[in-house]
Structure formats: structure tokens, C-alpha cells
Amino acid sequence: MPLLKKFFQAFRPSEPPALPDPDAELALGALLVRVAKADREYQLEEISLIDRILARLYQHNAIEAAKVRATCEKLHAAAPETDTFGRLIRETTGLEERLAALDALWEVVLADGTEHAGEVTIIEDARKAMGLSYADSEKARARAVKKFSGTAEDS
């Protein structure tokens, strides 16, 4: 039995690979994943929306965006508190990028058509940590609502 155990341990990494230190992109990605998972239903629509947001904001192709999202999923799972990600975004980006991050967070919340309290709590924590106002959040929410209502009418 000990020989079999040693055999299997030889193929198992002794420690999981280290996650990268988050930058603003990874911090936002992890927040997007955190919001999407807040209602305990991480849906394909949310996953593909996160990929599109990462591609749009950081000029990735579809494969690169999916790889970044996968890293963000791991960061979210192992990660610091929401406000830590928000502070990192505040300290490393300008106002326009922070407002774009808030827009992206609201897009993910509204992707399934329902605002869950846990999702809104995450946005509020992130908003405060990013140094943005409640009015900024309301405007971002309104833009996301308009974006999704426009999409529904175009279909």
C-alpha cells in the first residue's frame, strides 16, 4: 500500500501552482466572477459576458479573455476580500477605468435579469473601495439596464 501511495504522489503536484499577483485587470475579473457566483448560479451567459467584457476592456481575443477569466476564477476562490480588489483597482487606474469597471460589474449582475442581494452587496463593497459614489453606481446600473433592454428590443 505505501508503494501505491508514493506512486500516486509522484504524479500529484506537491503544491498548487502559485497564482499571479493581481493587477487591475485580474482584480476586476475576479470581482466579475465573484458577482456572477454570488447567487450560486454561475451561468454560461455570465461566463461568456465576463469573457466579452475582458476582451472589450483589455483588447483580448476570445481565447485570451477565457484564459484571463479562468485565472480570475482561481483568484476569486483563493482570494482576498472584495474591498482588496477594489482598492487595487483604485490605486492602479484612473477614474474612467474605475467607472468602466463599475459598468462591467452591473452588466454581470443584470445578465440573468435578476438583481440578487449578495450581488449588490459585492458591488457596493467594490464601489466604496474603488472610491466611487453611490450616484456613480446608480448611473452605471442605469447604463447596464439600458444596454440589456436595448439588446432585448433588437432581437
C-alpha atoms as a PDB file:
ATOM      1  CA  MET A   1       0.000   0.000   0.000  1.00  0.00           C
ATOM      2  CA  PRO A   2       2.717   2.586   0.786  1.00  0.00           C
ATOM      3  CA  LEU A   3       4.272   1.938  -2.621  1.00  0.00           C
ATOM      4  CA  LEU A   4       0.971   2.698  -4.357  1.00  0.00           C
ATOM      5  CA  LYS A   5       0.595   5.877  -2.312  1.00  0.00           C
ATOM      6  CA  LYS A   6       4.107   7.010  -3.338  1.00  0.00           C
ATOM      7  CA  PHE A   7       3.306   6.219  -6.956  1.00  0.00           C
ATOM      8  CA  PHE A   8       0.229   8.470  -6.938  1.00  0.00           C
ATOM      9  CA  GLN A   9       2.035  11.245  -5.057  1.00  0.00           C
ATOM     10  CA  ALA A  10       4.709  11.287  -7.753  1.00  0.00           C
ATOM     11  CA  PHE A  11       2.074  12.427 -10.248  1.00  0.00           C
ATOM     12  CA  ARG A  12       0.393  14.901  -7.941  1.00  0.00           C
ATOM     13  CA  PRO A  13       1.974  18.328  -7.609  1.00  0.00           C
ATOM     14  CA  SER A  14       3.251  18.893  -4.079  1.00  0.00           C
ATOM     15  CA  GLU A  15       1.860  22.432  -4.053  1.00  0.00           C
ATOM     16  CA  PRO A  16      -0.689  24.052  -6.320  1.00  0.00           C
ATOM     17  CA  PRO A  17       0.847  26.437  -8.832  1.00  0.00           C
ATOM     18  CA  ALA A  18       1.182  29.954  -7.484  1.00  0.00           C
ATOM     19  CA  LEU A  19      -1.411  32.443  -8.657  1.00  0.00           C
ATOM     20  CA  PRO A  20      -0.173  35.679 -10.202  1.00  0.00           C
ATOM     21  CA  ASP A  21      -0.254  38.857  -8.169  1.00  0.00           C
ATOM     22  CA  PRO A  22      -3.442  40.573  -9.244  1.00  0.00           C
ATOM     23  CA  ASP A  23      -3.241  43.714 -11.323  1.00  0.00           C
ATOM     24  CA  ALA A  24      -6.266  45.888 -12.114  1.00  0.00           C
ATOM     25  CA  GLU A  25      -7.385  43.523 -14.887  1.00  0.00           C
ATOM     26  CA  LEU A  26      -7.218  40.408 -12.727  1.00  0.00           C
ATOM     27  CA  ALA A  27      -8.802  42.253  -9.800  1.00  0.00           C
ATOM     28  CA  LEU A  28     -11.737  43.351 -11.955  1.00  0.00           C
ATOM     29  CA  GLY A  29     -12.023  39.872 -13.468  1.00  0.00           C
ATOM     30  CA  ALA A  30     -12.110  38.308 -10.014  1.00  0.00           C
ATOM     31  CA  LEU A  31     -14.802  40.793  -8.949  1.00  0.00           C
ATOM     32  CA  LEU A  32     -16.836  39.960 -12.057  1.00  0.00           C
ATOM     33  CA  VAL A  33     -16.573  36.249 -11.224  1.00  0.00           C
ATOM     34  CA  ARG A  34     -17.450  36.972  -7.589  1.00  0.00           C
ATOM     35  CA  VAL A  35     -20.584  38.870  -8.628  1.00  0.00           C
ATOM     36  CA  ALA A  36     -21.585  36.157 -11.109  1.00  0.00           C
ATOM     37  CA  LYS A  37     -21.187  33.444  -8.466  1.00  0.00           C
ATOM     38  CA  ALA A  38     -22.909  35.420  -5.687  1.00  0.00           C
ATOM     39  CA  ASP A  39     -26.310  33.890  -6.444  1.00  0.00           C
ATOM     40  CA  ARG A  40     -24.711  30.401  -6.536  1.00  0.00           C
ATOM     41  CA  GLU A  41     -25.685  30.057 -10.201  1.00  0.00           C
ATOM     42  CA  TYR A  42     -22.643  30.638 -12.404  1.00  0.00           C
ATOM     43  CA  GLN A  43     -24.370  30.519 -15.765  1.00  0.00           C
ATOM     44  CA  LEU A  44     -22.954  30.243 -19.266  1.00  0.00           C
ATOM     45  CA  GLU A  45     -24.420  33.668 -20.105  1.00  0.00           C
ATOM     46  CA  GLU A  46     -22.473  35.216 -17.236  1.00  0.00           C
ATOM     47  CA  ILE A  47     -19.267  33.390 -18.177  1.00  0.00           C
ATOM     48  CA  SER A  48     -19.457  34.488 -21.803  1.00  0.00           C
ATOM     49  CA  LEU A  49     -20.339  38.050 -20.740  1.00  0.00           C
ATOM     50  CA  ILE A  50     -17.267  38.165 -18.477  1.00  0.00           C
ATOM     51  CA  ASP A  51     -15.149  36.985 -21.415  1.00  0.00           C
ATOM     52  CA  ARG A  52     -16.636  39.700 -23.665  1.00  0.00           C
ATOM     53  CA  ILE A  53     -16.071  42.380 -21.016  1.00  0.00           C
ATOM     54  CA  LEU A  54     -12.435  41.335 -20.528  1.00  0.00           C
ATOM     55  CA  ALA A  55     -11.943  41.287 -24.304  1.00  0.00           C
ATOM     56  CA  ARG A  56     -13.541  44.729 -24.677  1.00  0.00           C
ATOM     57  CA  LEU A  57     -11.722  46.444 -21.808  1.00  0.00           C
ATOM     58  CA  TYR A  58      -8.300  44.852 -22.278  1.00  0.00           C
ATOM     59  CA  GLN A  59      -8.217  44.161 -26.048  1.00  0.00           C
ATOM     60  CA  HIS A  60      -8.086  40.361 -25.796  1.00  0.00           C
ATOM     61  CA  ASN A  61      -9.223  37.861 -28.372  1.00  0.00           C
ATOM     62  CA  ALA A  62     -11.764  35.250 -27.232  1.00  0.00           C
ATOM     63  CA  ILE A  63      -9.150  32.671 -26.186  1.00  0.00           C
ATOM     64  CA  GLU A  64      -7.043  35.183 -24.251  1.00  0.00           C
ATOM     65  CA  ALA A  65     -10.149  36.517 -22.480  1.00  0.00           C
ATOM     66  CA  ALA A  66     -11.212  32.985 -21.493  1.00  0.00           C
ATOM     67  CA  LYS A  67      -7.723  32.287 -20.114  1.00  0.00           C
ATOM     68  CA  VAL A  68      -7.786  35.507 -18.094  1.00  0.00           C
ATOM     69  CA  ARG A  69     -11.259  34.618 -16.774  1.00  0.00           C
ATOM     70  CA  ALA A  70     -10.035  31.151 -15.753  1.00  0.00           C
ATOM     71  CA  THR A  71      -7.201  32.782 -13.783  1.00  0.00           C
ATOM     72  CA  CYS A  72      -9.718  35.185 -12.242  1.00  0.00           C
ATOM     73  CA  GLU A  73     -11.904  32.242 -11.175  1.00  0.00           C
ATOM     74  CA  LYS A  74      -8.914  30.825  -9.294  1.00  0.00           C
ATOM     75  CA  LEU A  75      -8.098  34.219  -7.762  1.00  0.00           C
ATOM     76  CA  HIS A  76     -11.711  34.626  -6.654  1.00  0.00           C
ATOM     77  CA  ALA A  77     -11.642  31.201  -4.995  1.00  0.00           C
ATOM     78  CA  ALA A  78      -8.373  31.834  -3.182  1.00  0.00           C
ATOM     79  CA  ALA A  79      -8.794  35.500  -2.889  1.00  0.00           C
ATOM     80  CA  PRO A  80      -8.809  38.404  -0.582  1.00  0.00           C
ATOM     81  CA  GLU A  81     -11.882  40.340   0.346  1.00  0.00           C
ATOM     82  CA  THR A  82     -13.844  42.287  -2.249  1.00  0.00           C
ATOM     83  CA  ASP A  83     -12.562  45.629  -0.971  1.00  0.00           C
ATOM     84  CA  THR A  84      -8.955  44.477  -1.511  1.00  0.00           C
ATOM     85  CA  PHE A  85      -9.672  44.030  -5.221  1.00  0.00           C
ATOM     86  CA  GLY A  86     -11.493  47.367  -5.302  1.00  0.00           C
ATOM     87  CA  ARG A  87      -8.597  49.198  -3.628  1.00  0.00           C
ATOM     88  CA  LEU A  88      -6.141  47.642  -6.085  1.00  0.00           C
ATOM     89  CA  ILE A  89      -8.272  48.950  -8.971  1.00  0.00           C
ATOM     90  CA  ARG A  90      -8.487  52.413  -7.333  1.00  0.00           C
ATOM     91  CA  GLU A  91      -4.723  52.585  -6.759  1.00  0.00           C
ATOM     92  CA  THR A  92      -3.711  51.458 -10.255  1.00  0.00           C
ATOM     93  CA  THR A  93      -6.281  53.015 -12.599  1.00  0.00           C
ATOM     94  CA  GLY A  94      -7.815  56.368 -13.393  1.00  0.00           C
ATOM     95  CA  LEU A  95     -11.408  57.473 -12.891  1.00  0.00           C
ATOM     96  CA  GLU A  96     -12.569  56.416 -16.366  1.00  0.00           C
ATOM     97  CA  GLU A  97     -11.252  52.867 -15.866  1.00  0.00           C
ATOM     98  CA  ARG A  98     -12.914  52.648 -12.448  1.00  0.00           C
ATOM     99  CA  LEU A  99     -16.230  53.813 -13.900  1.00  0.00           C
ATOM    100  CA  ALA A 100     -15.854  51.236 -16.700  1.00  0.00           C
ATOM    101  CA  ALA A 101     -15.213  48.582 -14.034  1.00  0.00           C
ATOM    102  CA  LEU A 102     -18.406  49.592 -12.226  1.00  0.00           C
ATOM    103  CA  ASP A 103     -20.340  49.416 -15.514  1.00  0.00           C
ATOM    104  CA  ALA A 104     -18.944  45.913 -16.103  1.00  0.00           C
ATOM    105  CA  LEU A 105     -19.931  44.751 -12.620  1.00  0.00           C
ATOM    106  CA  TRP A 106     -23.512  45.947 -13.145  1.00  0.00           C
ATOM    107  CA  GLU A 107     -23.629  44.223 -16.544  1.00  0.00           C
ATOM    108  CA  VAL A 108     -22.795  40.906 -14.890  1.00  0.00           C
ATOM    109  CA  VAL A 109     -25.367  41.455 -12.129  1.00  0.00           C
ATOM    110  CA  LEU A 110     -28.097  42.155 -14.683  1.00  0.00           C
ATOM    111  CA  ALA A 111     -27.028  39.429 -17.147  1.00  0.00           C
ATOM    112  CA  ASP A 112     -29.562  36.942 -15.745  1.00  0.00           C
ATOM    113  CA  GLY A 113     -32.288  39.576 -15.423  1.00  0.00           C
ATOM    114  CA  THR A 114     -32.343  39.483 -11.626  1.00  0.00           C
ATOM    115  CA  GLU A 115     -30.504  41.537  -9.013  1.00  0.00           C
ATOM    116  CA  HIS A 116     -29.678  39.362  -6.016  1.00  0.00           C
ATOM    117  CA  ALA A 117     -28.881  40.999  -2.680  1.00  0.00           C
ATOM    118  CA  GLY A 118     -25.495  39.261  -2.496  1.00  0.00           C
ATOM    119  CA  GLU A 119     -24.512  40.626  -5.906  1.00  0.00           C
ATOM    120  CA  VAL A 120     -25.493  44.164  -4.957  1.00  0.00           C
ATOM    121  CA  THR A 121     -23.535  43.868  -1.697  1.00  0.00           C
ATOM    122  CA  ILE A 122     -20.413  42.909  -3.641  1.00  0.00           C
ATOM    123  CA  ILE A 123     -20.886  45.865  -5.988  1.00  0.00           C
ATOM    124  CA  GLU A 124     -21.349  48.238  -3.063  1.00  0.00           C
ATOM    125  CA  ASP A 125     -18.184  46.973  -1.338  1.00  0.00           C
ATOM    126  CA  ALA A 126     -16.235  47.248  -4.603  1.00  0.00           C
ATOM    127  CA  ARG A 127     -17.685  50.695  -5.377  1.00  0.00           C
ATOM    128  CA  LYS A 128     -16.647  52.094  -1.998  1.00  0.00           C
ATOM    129  CA  ALA A 129     -13.176  50.559  -2.255  1.00  0.00           C
ATOM    130  CA  MET A 130     -12.759  51.991  -5.770  1.00  0.00           C
ATOM    131  CA  GLY A 131     -13.563  55.445  -4.374  1.00  0.00           C
ATOM    132  CA  LEU A 132     -16.752  55.867  -6.407  1.00  0.00           C
ATOM    133  CA  SER A 133     -20.010  57.433  -5.260  1.00  0.00           C
ATOM    134  CA  TYR A 134     -23.447  55.919  -4.876  1.00  0.00           C
ATOM    135  CA  ALA A 135     -24.541  58.214  -7.738  1.00  0.00           C
ATOM    136  CA  ASP A 136     -21.781  56.679  -9.906  1.00  0.00           C
ATOM    137  CA  SER A 137     -23.201  53.262  -9.123  1.00  0.00           C
ATOM    138  CA  GLU A 138     -26.764  54.310  -9.919  1.00  0.00           C
ATOM    139  CA  LYS A 139     -25.627  55.742 -13.275  1.00  0.00           C
ATOM    140  CA  ALA A 140     -23.679  52.546 -14.047  1.00  0.00           C
ATOM    141  CA  ARG A 141     -26.729  50.450 -13.157  1.00  0.00           C
ATOM    142  CA  ALA A 142     -28.944  52.602 -15.397  1.00  0.00           C
ATOM    143  CA  ARG A 143     -26.482  52.201 -18.304  1.00  0.00           C
ATOM    144  CA  ALA A 144     -26.482  48.415 -17.817  1.00  0.00           C
ATOM    145  CA  VAL A 145     -30.295  48.315 -17.687  1.00  0.00           C
ATOM    146  CA  LYS A 146     -30.456  50.381 -20.886  1.00  0.00           C
ATOM    147  CA  LYS A 147     -27.881  48.131 -22.564  1.00  0.00           C
ATOM    148  CA  PHE A 148     -29.873  44.976 -21.792  1.00  0.00           C
ATOM    149  CA  SER A 149     -33.252  46.497 -22.643  1.00  0.00           C
ATOM    150  CA  GLY A 150     -31.783  47.680 -25.970  1.00  0.00           C
ATOM    151  CA  THR A 151     -30.491  44.158 -26.635  1.00  0.00           C
ATOM    152  CA  ALA A 152     -33.921  42.660 -25.951  1.00  0.00           C
ATOM    153  CA  GLU A 153     -35.584  45.070 -28.395  1.00  0.00           C
ATOM    154  CA  ASP A 154     -33.015  44.367 -31.123  1.00  0.00           C
ATOM    155  CA  SER A 155     -33.577  40.610 -31.006  1.00  0.00           C
END
